[in-house]
Amino acid sequence: MNAAALMTEFAWRFRYPGDLASVSHDDAARAIEIAARVLTDVSDAVPANCRMQ
């Protein structure tokens, strides 16, 4: 979850096009990897009978 905390900035800083802030390709790729890992971890924590099919 420590890595996921880095995603907080992505929730607001780069939300709207045309803002002055920009993200590097490497940072964007890292954020995508973290998000995928969080999704997997959360999905794995949900009991199988509660998952959407």
PDB file of N, CA and C in Angstrom:
ATOM      1  N   MET A   1       0.820  -1.197   0.000  1.00  0.00           N
ATOM      2  CA  MET A   1       0.000   0.000   0.000  1.00  0.00           C
ATOM      3  C   MET A   1       0.864   1.262   0.000  1.00  0.00           C
ATOM      4  N   ASN A   2       2.096   1.148   0.429  1.00  0.00           N
ATOM      5  CA  ASN A   2       2.958   2.337   0.392  1.00  0.00           C
ATOM      6  C   ASN A   2       3.134   2.840  -1.039  1.00  0.00           C
ATOM      7  N   ALA A   3       3.298   1.931  -1.968  1.00  0.00           N
ATOM      8  CA  ALA A   3       3.435   2.331  -3.366  1.00  0.00           C
ATOM      9  C   ALA A   3       2.150   2.978  -3.868  1.00  0.00           C
ATOM     10  N   ALA A   4       1.010   2.482  -3.413  1.00  0.00           N
ATOM     11  CA  ALA A   4      -0.271   3.026  -3.851  1.00  0.00           C
ATOM     12  C   ALA A   4      -0.456   4.459  -3.368  1.00  0.00           C
ATOM     13  N   ALA A   5       0.172   4.809  -2.254  1.00  0.00           N
ATOM     14  CA  ALA A   5       0.060   6.177  -1.752  1.00  0.00           C
ATOM     15  C   ALA A   5       0.592   7.182  -2.763  1.00  0.00           C
ATOM     16  N   LEU A   6       1.533   6.765  -3.575  1.00  0.00           N
ATOM     17  CA  LEU A   6       2.059   7.645  -4.622  1.00  0.00           C
ATOM     18  C   LEU A   6       0.990   7.997  -5.655  1.00  0.00           C
ATOM     19  N   MET A   7      -0.046   7.186  -5.740  1.00  0.00           N
ATOM     20  CA  MET A   7      -1.106   7.419  -6.724  1.00  0.00           C
ATOM     21  C   MET A   7      -1.981   8.607  -6.352  1.00  0.00           C
ATOM     22  N   THR A   8      -1.948   9.036  -5.101  1.00  0.00           N
ATOM     23  CA  THR A   8      -2.795  10.144  -4.648  1.00  0.00           C
ATOM     24  C   THR A   8      -2.573  11.384  -5.505  1.00  0.00           C
ATOM     25  N   GLU A   9      -1.340  11.689  -5.787  1.00  0.00           N
ATOM     26  CA  GLU A   9      -1.057  12.873  -6.598  1.00  0.00           C
ATOM     27  C   GLU A   9      -1.673  12.747  -7.992  1.00  0.00           C
ATOM     28  N   PHE A  10      -1.674  11.547  -8.542  1.00  0.00           N
ATOM     29  CA  PHE A  10      -2.230  11.349  -9.873  1.00  0.00           C
ATOM     30  C   PHE A  10      -3.749  11.571  -9.888  1.00  0.00           C
ATOM     31  N   ALA A  11      -4.371  11.456  -8.730  1.00  0.00           N
ATOM     32  CA  ALA A  11      -5.817  11.641  -8.644  1.00  0.00           C
ATOM     33  C   ALA A  11      -6.223  13.093  -8.850  1.00  0.00           C
ATOM     34  N   TRP A  12      -5.307  14.009  -8.646  1.00  0.00           N
ATOM     35  CA  TRP A  12      -5.684  15.409  -8.783  1.00  0.00           C
ATOM     36  C   TRP A  12      -4.763  16.221  -9.683  1.00  0.00           C
ATOM     37  N   ARG A  13      -3.480  15.949  -9.660  1.00  0.00           N
ATOM     38  CA  ARG A  13      -2.544  16.835 -10.370  1.00  0.00           C
ATOM     39  C   ARG A  13      -2.704  16.789 -11.895  1.00  0.00           C
ATOM     40  N   PHE A  14      -2.970  15.644 -12.443  1.00  0.00           N
ATOM     41  CA  PHE A  14      -2.993  15.502 -13.902  1.00  0.00           C
ATOM     42  C   PHE A  14      -4.401  15.251 -14.430  1.00  0.00           C
ATOM     43  N   ARG A  15      -5.396  15.582 -13.640  1.00  0.00           N
ATOM     44  CA  ARG A  15      -6.774  15.258 -13.980  1.00  0.00           C
ATOM     45  C   ARG A  15      -7.289  16.021 -15.197  1.00  0.00           C
ATOM     46  N   TYR A  16      -6.985  17.301 -15.285  1.00  0.00           N
ATOM     47  CA  TYR A  16      -7.594  18.133 -16.320  1.00  0.00           C
ATOM     48  C   TYR A  16      -6.574  18.507 -17.389  1.00  0.00           C
ATOM     49  N   PRO A  17      -6.939  18.297 -18.651  1.00  0.00           N
ATOM     50  CA  PRO A  17      -6.019  18.654 -19.741  1.00  0.00           C
ATOM     51  C   PRO A  17      -5.777  20.163 -19.744  1.00  0.00           C
ATOM     52  N   GLY A  18      -4.597  20.538 -20.139  1.00  0.00           N
ATOM     53  CA  GLY A  18      -4.264  21.943 -20.249  1.00  0.00           C
ATOM     54  C   GLY A  18      -3.664  22.532 -18.986  1.00  0.00           C
ATOM     55  N   ASP A  19      -3.677  21.789 -17.887  1.00  0.00           N
ATOM     56  CA  ASP A  19      -3.019  22.270 -16.677  1.00  0.00           C
ATOM     57  C   ASP A  19      -1.519  22.363 -16.938  1.00  0.00           C
ATOM     58  N   LEU A  20      -0.850  23.156 -16.144  1.00  0.00           N
ATOM     59  CA  LEU A  20       0.586  23.338 -16.342  1.00  0.00           C
ATOM     60  C   LEU A  20       1.400  22.106 -15.982  1.00  0.00           C
ATOM     61  N   ALA A  21       0.903  21.299 -15.077  1.00  0.00           N
ATOM     62  CA  ALA A  21       1.637  20.108 -14.658  1.00  0.00           C
ATOM     63  C   ALA A  21       1.633  19.063 -15.771  1.00  0.00           C
ATOM     64  N   SER A  22       2.730  18.371 -15.891  1.00  0.00           N
ATOM     65  CA  SER A  22       2.799  17.276 -16.844  1.00  0.00           C
ATOM     66  C   SER A  22       3.502  16.109 -16.165  1.00  0.00           C
ATOM     67  N   VAL A  23       3.311  14.957 -16.713  1.00  0.00           N
ATOM     68  CA  VAL A  23       3.899  13.752 -16.143  1.00  0.00           C
ATOM     69  C   VAL A  23       4.832  13.141 -17.175  1.00  0.00           C
ATOM     70  N   SER A  24       5.958  12.645 -16.694  1.00  0.00           N
ATOM     71  CA  SER A  24       6.903  12.020 -17.620  1.00  0.00           C
ATOM     72  C   SER A  24       6.381  10.638 -18.019  1.00  0.00           C
ATOM     73  N   HIS A  25       6.904  10.142 -19.109  1.00  0.00           N
ATOM     74  CA  HIS A  25       6.520   8.810 -19.583  1.00  0.00           C
ATOM     75  C   HIS A  25       6.856   7.765 -18.525  1.00  0.00           C
ATOM     76  N   ASP A  26       8.033   7.869 -17.919  1.00  0.00           N
ATOM     77  CA  ASP A  26       8.447   6.893 -16.901  1.00  0.00           C
ATOM     78  C   ASP A  26       7.534   6.925 -15.680  1.00  0.00           C
ATOM     79  N   ASP A  27       7.172   8.141 -15.225  1.00  0.00           N
ATOM     80  CA  ASP A  27       6.273   8.246 -14.077  1.00  0.00           C
ATOM     81  C   ASP A  27       4.891   7.702 -14.407  1.00  0.00           C
ATOM     82  N   ALA A  28       4.411   7.971 -15.610  1.00  0.00           N
ATOM     83  CA  ALA A  28       3.104   7.451 -16.015  1.00  0.00           C
ATOM     84  C   ALA A  28       3.135   5.925 -16.085  1.00  0.00           C
ATOM     85  N   ALA A  29       4.191   5.363 -16.634  1.00  0.00           N
ATOM     86  CA  ALA A  29       4.314   3.907 -16.724  1.00  0.00           C
ATOM     87  C   ALA A  29       4.379   3.289 -15.333  1.00  0.00           C
ATOM     88  N   ARG A  30       5.094   3.921 -14.415  1.00  0.00           N
ATOM     89  CA  ARG A  30       5.181   3.414 -13.041  1.00  0.00           C
ATOM     90  C   ARG A  30       3.812   3.476 -12.363  1.00  0.00           C
ATOM     91  N   ALA A  31       3.093   4.559 -12.593  1.00  0.00           N
ATOM     92  CA  ALA A  31       1.755   4.699 -11.999  1.00  0.00           C
ATOM     93  C   ALA A  31       0.813   3.616 -12.517  1.00  0.00           C
ATOM     94  N   ILE A  32       0.905   3.292 -13.789  1.00  0.00           N
ATOM     95  CA  ILE A  32       0.068   2.235 -14.367  1.00  0.00           C
ATOM     96  C   ILE A  32       0.421   0.891 -13.745  1.00  0.00           C
ATOM     97  N   GLU A  33       1.702   0.630 -13.554  1.00  0.00           N
ATOM     98  CA  GLU A  33       2.125  -0.626 -12.919  1.00  0.00           C
ATOM     99  C   GLU A  33       1.612  -0.719 -11.480  1.00  0.00           C
ATOM    100  N   ILE A  34       1.694   0.387 -10.745  1.00  0.00           N
ATOM    101  CA  ILE A  34       1.203   0.399  -9.364  1.00  0.00           C
ATOM    102  C   ILE A  34      -0.302   0.173  -9.341  1.00  0.00           C
ATOM    103  N   ALA A  35      -1.021   0.864 -10.204  1.00  0.00           N
ATOM    104  CA  ALA A  35      -2.481   0.714 -10.251  1.00  0.00           C
ATOM    105  C   ALA A  35      -2.883  -0.720 -10.578  1.00  0.00           C
ATOM    106  N   ALA A  36      -2.178  -1.345 -11.488  1.00  0.00           N
ATOM    107  CA  ALA A  36      -2.477  -2.734 -11.837  1.00  0.00           C
ATOM    108  C   ALA A  36      -2.213  -3.659 -10.656  1.00  0.00           C
ATOM    109  N   ARG A  37      -1.136  -3.395  -9.926  1.00  0.00           N
ATOM    110  CA  ARG A  37      -0.803  -4.214  -8.759  1.00  0.00           C
ATOM    111  C   ARG A  37      -1.849  -4.045  -7.654  1.00  0.00           C
ATOM    112  N   VAL A  38      -2.299  -2.807  -7.439  1.00  0.00           N
ATOM    113  CA  VAL A  38      -3.345  -2.555  -6.438  1.00  0.00           C
ATOM    114  C   VAL A  38      -4.634  -3.254  -6.844  1.00  0.00           C
ATOM    115  N   LEU A  39      -5.008  -3.160  -8.109  1.00  0.00           N
ATOM    116  CA  LEU A  39      -6.222  -3.821  -8.593  1.00  0.00           C
ATOM    117  C   LEU A  39      -6.148  -5.329  -8.359  1.00  0.00           C
ATOM    118  N   THR A  40      -5.014  -5.914  -8.664  1.00  0.00           N
ATOM    119  CA  THR A  40      -4.832  -7.352  -8.454  1.00  0.00           C
ATOM    120  C   THR A  40      -4.934  -7.704  -6.974  1.00  0.00           C
ATOM    121  N   ASP A  41      -4.267  -6.929  -6.131  1.00  0.00           N
ATOM    122  CA  ASP A  41      -4.286  -7.207  -4.694  1.00  0.00           C
ATOM    123  C   ASP A  41      -5.694  -7.088  -4.119  1.00  0.00           C
ATOM    124  N   VAL A  42      -6.420  -6.061  -4.525  1.00  0.00           N
ATOM    125  CA  VAL A  42      -7.787  -5.883  -4.029  1.00  0.00           C
ATOM    126  C   VAL A  42      -8.687  -6.989  -4.565  1.00  0.00           C
ATOM    127  N   SER A  43      -8.572  -7.310  -5.836  1.00  0.00           N
ATOM    128  CA  SER A  43      -9.381  -8.381  -6.428  1.00  0.00           C
ATOM    129  C   SER A  43      -9.117  -9.713  -5.741  1.00  0.00           C
ATOM    130  N   ASP A  44      -7.862  -9.980  -5.426  1.00  0.00           N
ATOM    131  CA  ASP A  44      -7.517 -11.231  -4.751  1.00  0.00           C
ATOM    132  C   ASP A  44      -8.085 -11.287  -3.335  1.00  0.00           C
ATOM    133  N   ALA A  45      -8.286 -10.131  -2.720  1.00  0.00           N
ATOM    134  CA  ALA A  45      -8.807 -10.084  -1.350  1.00  0.00           C
ATOM    135  C   ALA A  45     -10.318 -10.290  -1.284  1.00  0.00           C
ATOM    136  N   VAL A  46     -11.003 -10.122  -2.419  1.00  0.00           N
ATOM    137  CA  VAL A  46     -12.456 -10.301  -2.457  1.00  0.00           C
ATOM    138  C   VAL A  46     -12.758 -11.796  -2.591  1.00  0.00           C
ATOM    139  N   PRO A  47     -13.624 -12.325  -1.740  1.00  0.00           N
ATOM    140  CA  PRO A  47     -13.965 -13.748  -1.842  1.00  0.00           C
ATOM    141  C   PRO A  47     -14.537 -14.075  -3.223  1.00  0.00           C
ATOM    142  N   ALA A  48     -14.213 -15.242  -3.723  1.00  0.00           N
ATOM    143  CA  ALA A  48     -14.621 -15.647  -5.079  1.00  0.00           C
ATOM    144  C   ALA A  48     -16.125 -15.545  -5.284  1.00  0.00           C
ATOM    145  N   ASN A  49     -16.908 -15.874  -4.265  1.00  0.00           N
ATOM    146  CA  ASN A  49     -18.366 -15.838  -4.439  1.00  0.00           C
ATOM    147  C   ASN A  49     -18.919 -14.416  -4.447  1.00  0.00           C
ATOM    148  N   CYS A  50     -18.087 -13.423  -4.221  1.00  0.00           N
ATOM    149  CA  CYS A  50     -18.532 -12.025  -4.236  1.00  0.00           C
ATOM    150  C   CYS A  50     -18.045 -11.275  -5.463  1.00  0.00           C
ATOM    151  N   ARG A  51     -17.265 -11.924  -6.293  1.00  0.00           N
ATOM    152  CA  ARG A  51     -16.710 -11.265  -7.484  1.00  0.00           C
ATOM    153  C   ARG A  51     -17.727 -11.213  -8.599  1.00  0.00           C
ATOM    154  N   MET A  52     -17.645 -10.155  -9.390  1.00  0.00           N
ATOM    155  CA  MET A  52     -18.505 -10.040 -10.566  1.00  0.00           C
ATOM    156  C   MET A  52     -17.994 -10.999 -11.638  1.00  0.00           C
ATOM    157  N   GLN A  53     -18.873 -11.584 -12.337  1.00  0.00           N
ATOM    158  CA  GLN A  53     -18.504 -12.523 -13.388  1.00  0.00           C
ATOM    159  C   GLN A  53     -18.564 -11.877 -14.731  1.00  0.00           C
TER     160      GLN A  53
END
